[in-house]
Amino acid sequence: MKETGQLIYCVEDDKNIRELVVYAMKSGGYQAEGYADAEEFFAGLEIAKPSLVLLDIMLPGTDGLSLLSKLRNKKDTRDIPVILLTAKGSEYDKVQGLDAGADDYIAKPFGVMELLSRVRAVLRRSTPESGSQELRVGPLLLSAEQRRVLLENEELTLTFKEFELLQHLMRNENLVLSRDKLLETIWGYDFEGETRTVDVHIRSLRQKLGDFADLIDTVRGVGYRIRSRA
């Protein structure tokens, strides 16, 4: 199969699973590298920035959620899509990972075809939407091309999902978007009706908007919308 040119990193301490995932990614047309722990992974980041990271939660030393937090807190890595690979299957662990900034979650054991499908879906969603590359709502200016958001000319530091959520709201200015629809559009899957992660990200966005938090309305019983102040 022809390579896409997209590079995928797999961080997994189980050698058999790591080699299987790397083989599956290469079979799917991607370039792929595997790492056993956070130290090896960060050394790999010094060589090349991946298009996506497949990350196990239960890692020796620095665990997966701590590693994810480090990625999201660094400007040059905060936009890298991350799919969590974990044996944990509880609702709490799923929500915890998504709230920490993961783009998707797949529990072990998983099928290779499902994993490839999830990878393709996340990579599609991480590609900037077509249409205007610059959006403005009141004092907010968003550049899709530069992945920057300015609030009264001051740059906001947003996570990957916060940026995607804000961009979608701004593209649909004045329209009320349901939690279920936001979850489907931004996260790509209906996580068994779990919409708490949408509320968490809206709350985080409002905190970062500060005095302009009321740009994002809550429409009781429906969802959210963004609109300029009257």
Protein backbone atom coordinates (compact mmCIF):
# COMPACT_ATOMS: atom_id res chain seq x y z
CA MET A 1 0.00 0.00 0.00
CA LYS A 2 1.27 3.47 -0.86
CA GLU A 3 2.53 5.46 2.12
CA THR A 4 0.60 8.59 3.05
CA GLY A 5 3.67 10.38 4.39
CA GLN A 6 1.95 10.70 7.77
CA LEU A 7 4.05 9.57 10.72
CA ILE A 8 2.49 7.72 13.67
CA TYR A 9 4.20 7.14 16.99
CA CYS A 10 3.10 4.29 19.26
CA VAL A 11 4.08 4.52 22.95
CA GLU A 12 3.45 1.09 24.48
CA ASP A 13 5.60 -0.86 26.94
CA ASP A 14 4.29 -4.28 25.86
CA LYS A 15 6.66 -5.26 23.05
CA ASN A 16 4.20 -7.61 21.34
CA ILE A 17 1.42 -5.02 21.24
CA ARG A 18 3.84 -2.27 20.19
CA GLU A 19 5.20 -4.31 17.29
CA LEU A 20 1.68 -5.31 16.23
CA VAL A 21 0.50 -1.68 16.20
CA VAL A 22 3.54 -0.49 14.27
CA TYR A 23 3.08 -3.29 11.74
CA ALA A 24 -0.63 -2.44 11.42
CA MET A 25 0.10 1.24 10.83
CA LYS A 26 2.68 0.45 8.16
CA SER A 27 0.25 -2.00 6.54
CA GLY A 28 -2.29 0.84 6.50
CA GLY A 29 0.07 3.04 4.52
CA TYR A 30 1.54 5.13 7.34
CA GLN A 31 5.08 5.59 8.54
CA ALA A 32 5.32 4.35 12.12
CA GLU A 33 7.75 4.16 15.05
CA GLY A 34 7.33 2.43 18.41
CA TYR A 35 8.59 3.50 21.83
CA ALA A 36 8.56 1.61 25.13
CA ASP A 37 8.35 4.59 27.49
CA ALA A 38 8.12 8.37 27.76
CA GLU A 39 11.88 8.88 27.68
CA GLU A 40 12.24 7.07 24.36
CA PHE A 41 9.19 8.89 23.00
CA PHE A 42 10.49 12.38 23.80
CA ALA A 43 13.82 11.46 22.22
CA GLY A 44 11.83 10.52 19.11
CA LEU A 45 10.08 13.90 19.16
CA GLU A 46 13.48 15.54 18.84
CA ILE A 47 13.92 13.71 15.51
CA ALA A 48 10.47 14.23 13.98
CA LYS A 49 7.02 15.49 14.93
CA PRO A 50 4.36 12.82 14.30
CA SER A 51 0.96 13.34 12.72
CA LEU A 52 -0.64 11.30 15.54
CA VAL A 53 0.34 9.47 18.73
CA LEU A 54 -1.08 6.14 19.93
CA LEU A 55 -0.50 6.24 23.68
CA ASP A 56 -0.86 3.56 26.34
CA ILE A 57 -2.00 4.83 29.77
CA MET A 58 -0.16 2.24 31.88
CA LEU A 59 3.49 3.05 31.14
CA PRO A 60 6.53 2.53 33.38
CA GLY A 61 7.86 5.74 34.90
CA THR A 62 5.85 8.59 33.41
CA ASP A 63 2.31 7.26 32.85
CA GLY A 64 0.31 7.98 29.72
CA LEU A 65 -1.93 10.69 31.19
CA SER A 66 1.10 12.58 32.54
CA LEU A 67 2.77 12.26 29.15
CA LEU A 68 -0.40 13.56 27.49
CA SER A 69 -0.45 16.53 29.85
CA LYS A 70 3.13 17.38 28.90
CA LEU A 71 2.25 17.25 25.21
CA ARG A 72 -0.78 19.52 25.67
CA ASN A 73 1.20 22.04 27.75
CA LYS A 74 3.95 22.55 25.17
CA LYS A 75 3.25 24.93 22.28
CA ASP A 76 5.03 22.82 19.65
CA THR A 77 3.23 19.57 20.58
CA ARG A 78 -0.17 20.64 21.93
CA ASP A 79 -1.89 20.17 18.55
CA ILE A 80 -0.70 16.59 17.95
CA PRO A 81 -3.76 14.27 17.94
CA VAL A 82 -3.59 11.51 20.56
CA ILE A 83 -5.51 8.22 20.77
CA LEU A 84 -5.27 6.42 24.11
CA LEU A 85 -4.66 2.66 24.09
CA THR A 86 -5.45 1.06 27.41
CA ALA A 87 -6.68 -2.07 29.11
CA LYS A 88 -8.83 0.09 31.34
CA GLY A 89 -12.44 0.09 30.22
CA SER A 90 -14.35 2.00 32.88
CA GLU A 91 -16.39 5.09 32.07
CA TYR A 92 -14.30 7.09 34.56
CA ASP A 93 -11.01 6.26 32.82
CA LYS A 94 -12.53 7.05 29.43
CA VAL A 95 -13.78 10.48 30.53
CA GLN A 96 -10.56 11.21 32.42
CA GLY A 97 -8.51 10.58 29.28
CA LEU A 98 -10.77 12.68 27.06
CA ASP A 99 -10.86 15.52 29.56
CA ALA A 100 -7.06 15.45 29.67
CA GLY A 101 -7.02 16.25 25.95
CA ALA A 102 -7.08 12.87 24.20
CA ASP A 103 -8.81 12.82 20.82
CA ASP A 104 -10.09 9.27 21.09
CA TYR A 105 -9.94 6.18 23.26
CA ILE A 106 -9.73 2.52 22.34
CA ALA A 107 -9.68 -0.28 24.92
CA LYS A 108 -7.57 -3.43 24.66
CA PRO A 109 -8.02 -5.91 23.19
CA PHE A 110 -8.82 -4.13 19.95
CA GLY A 111 -9.02 -5.19 16.32
CA VAL A 112 -6.51 -3.89 13.81
CA MET A 113 -9.22 -2.73 11.41
CA GLU A 114 -10.98 -0.79 14.18
CA LEU A 115 -7.70 0.83 15.21
CA LEU A 116 -6.95 1.88 11.61
CA SER A 117 -10.47 3.26 11.27
CA ARG A 118 -10.08 5.33 14.44
CA VAL A 119 -6.69 6.62 13.26
CA ARG A 120 -8.10 7.70 9.90
CA ALA A 121 -11.07 9.41 11.58
CA VAL A 122 -8.89 11.39 13.99
CA LEU A 123 -6.50 12.42 11.23
CA ARG A 124 -9.44 13.63 9.12
CA ARG A 125 -10.75 15.69 12.01
CA SER A 126 -7.33 17.20 12.65
CA THR A 127 -7.23 18.61 9.11
CA PRO A 128 -8.41 22.24 9.04
CA GLU A 129 -11.98 22.68 7.82
CA SER A 130 -12.52 24.09 4.37
CA GLY A 131 -13.92 27.58 3.98
CA SER A 132 -12.71 30.78 5.56
CA GLN A 133 -9.39 30.38 7.35
CA GLU A 134 -10.08 33.41 9.56
CA LEU A 135 -13.10 33.82 11.82
CA ARG A 136 -14.17 36.71 14.01
CA VAL A 137 -16.81 36.95 16.73
CA GLY A 138 -16.70 40.17 18.71
CA PRO A 139 -13.17 40.53 20.18
CA LEU A 140 -12.24 36.96 19.17
CA LEU A 141 -10.16 36.33 16.06
CA LEU A 142 -9.37 32.75 15.06
CA SER A 143 -6.89 31.79 12.35
CA ALA A 144 -7.45 28.20 11.19
CA GLU A 145 -4.28 28.23 9.09
CA GLN A 146 -2.04 29.39 11.95
CA ARG A 147 -4.12 27.66 14.63
CA ARG A 148 -4.09 30.82 16.70
CA VAL A 149 -6.81 32.56 18.68
CA LEU A 150 -6.54 36.22 19.66
CA LEU A 151 -8.75 37.86 22.27
CA GLU A 152 -8.40 41.66 22.02
CA ASN A 153 -5.07 41.02 20.25
CA GLU A 154 -3.78 38.80 23.09
CA GLU A 155 -3.10 35.18 22.11
CA LEU A 156 -4.99 32.48 24.01
CA THR A 157 -3.36 29.16 24.81
CA LEU A 158 -5.86 26.46 23.92
CA THR A 159 -5.64 22.68 23.84
CA PHE A 160 -6.26 20.88 20.55
CA LYS A 161 -9.87 20.08 21.43
CA GLU A 162 -10.58 23.54 22.86
CA PHE A 163 -9.43 25.03 19.56
CA GLU A 164 -11.57 22.62 17.51
CA LEU A 165 -14.61 23.29 19.68
CA LEU A 166 -14.22 27.07 19.56
CA GLN A 167 -13.65 26.98 15.80
CA HIS A 168 -16.82 24.95 15.26
CA LEU A 169 -18.86 27.31 17.43
CA MET A 170 -17.48 30.33 15.56
CA ARG A 171 -18.21 28.78 12.16
CA ASN A 172 -21.79 28.40 13.36
CA GLU A 173 -22.14 31.79 15.04
CA ASN A 174 -25.59 32.40 16.58
CA LEU A 175 -26.67 28.78 15.95
CA VAL A 176 -27.50 26.58 18.94
CA LEU A 177 -25.50 23.33 18.78
CA SER A 178 -26.58 20.39 20.92
CA ARG A 179 -24.12 18.60 23.20
CA ASP A 180 -24.66 15.36 21.27
CA LYS A 181 -23.92 17.08 17.96
CA LEU A 182 -20.80 18.75 19.35
CA LEU A 183 -19.61 15.42 20.74
CA GLU A 184 -20.16 13.72 17.38
CA THR A 185 -18.55 16.52 15.34
CA ILE A 186 -15.53 17.33 17.51
CA TRP A 187 -14.82 13.94 19.08
CA GLY A 188 -16.14 11.85 16.22
CA TYR A 189 -18.04 9.27 18.22
CA ASP A 190 -21.10 9.03 20.41
CA PHE A 191 -19.41 7.95 23.63
CA GLU A 192 -22.55 6.14 24.79
CA GLY A 193 -24.29 9.48 25.27
CA GLU A 194 -21.53 10.79 27.55
CA THR A 195 -21.61 14.56 27.02
CA ARG A 196 -19.83 15.60 30.20
CA THR A 197 -16.61 16.08 28.25
CA VAL A 198 -18.34 18.80 26.15
CA ASP A 199 -19.36 20.68 29.30
CA VAL A 200 -15.82 20.38 30.69
CA HIS A 201 -14.30 21.88 27.53
CA ILE A 202 -16.90 24.68 27.40
CA ARG A 203 -16.13 25.53 31.02
CA SER A 204 -12.40 25.61 30.25
CA LEU A 205 -12.97 27.87 27.22
CA ARG A 206 -15.03 30.27 29.32
CA GLN A 207 -12.30 30.46 31.94
CA LYS A 208 -9.78 31.37 29.25
CA LEU A 209 -12.15 33.99 27.78
CA GLY A 210 -12.23 35.70 31.17
CA ASP A 211 -14.33 38.87 31.01
CA PHE A 212 -15.73 37.67 27.67
CA ALA A 213 -16.91 34.28 28.95
CA ASP A 214 -20.51 35.26 28.17
CA LEU A 215 -19.76 35.11 24.44
CA ILE A 216 -20.64 31.42 24.81
CA ASP A 217 -24.29 30.98 25.75
CA THR A 218 -25.79 27.96 27.44
CA VAL A 219 -29.22 27.25 25.96
CA ARG A 220 -30.92 25.31 28.72
CA GLY A 221 -31.85 21.76 27.76
CA VAL A 222 -30.32 22.11 24.29
CA GLY A 223 -26.64 23.02 24.11
CA TYR A 224 -24.37 25.96 23.35
CA ARG A 225 -23.88 28.82 20.91
CA ILE A 226 -21.46 31.67 20.45
CA ARG A 227 -22.54 35.20 19.58
CA SER A 228 -21.27 38.74 19.82
CA ARG A 229 -22.41 40.86 22.71
CA ALA A 230 -25.33 43.14 21.93
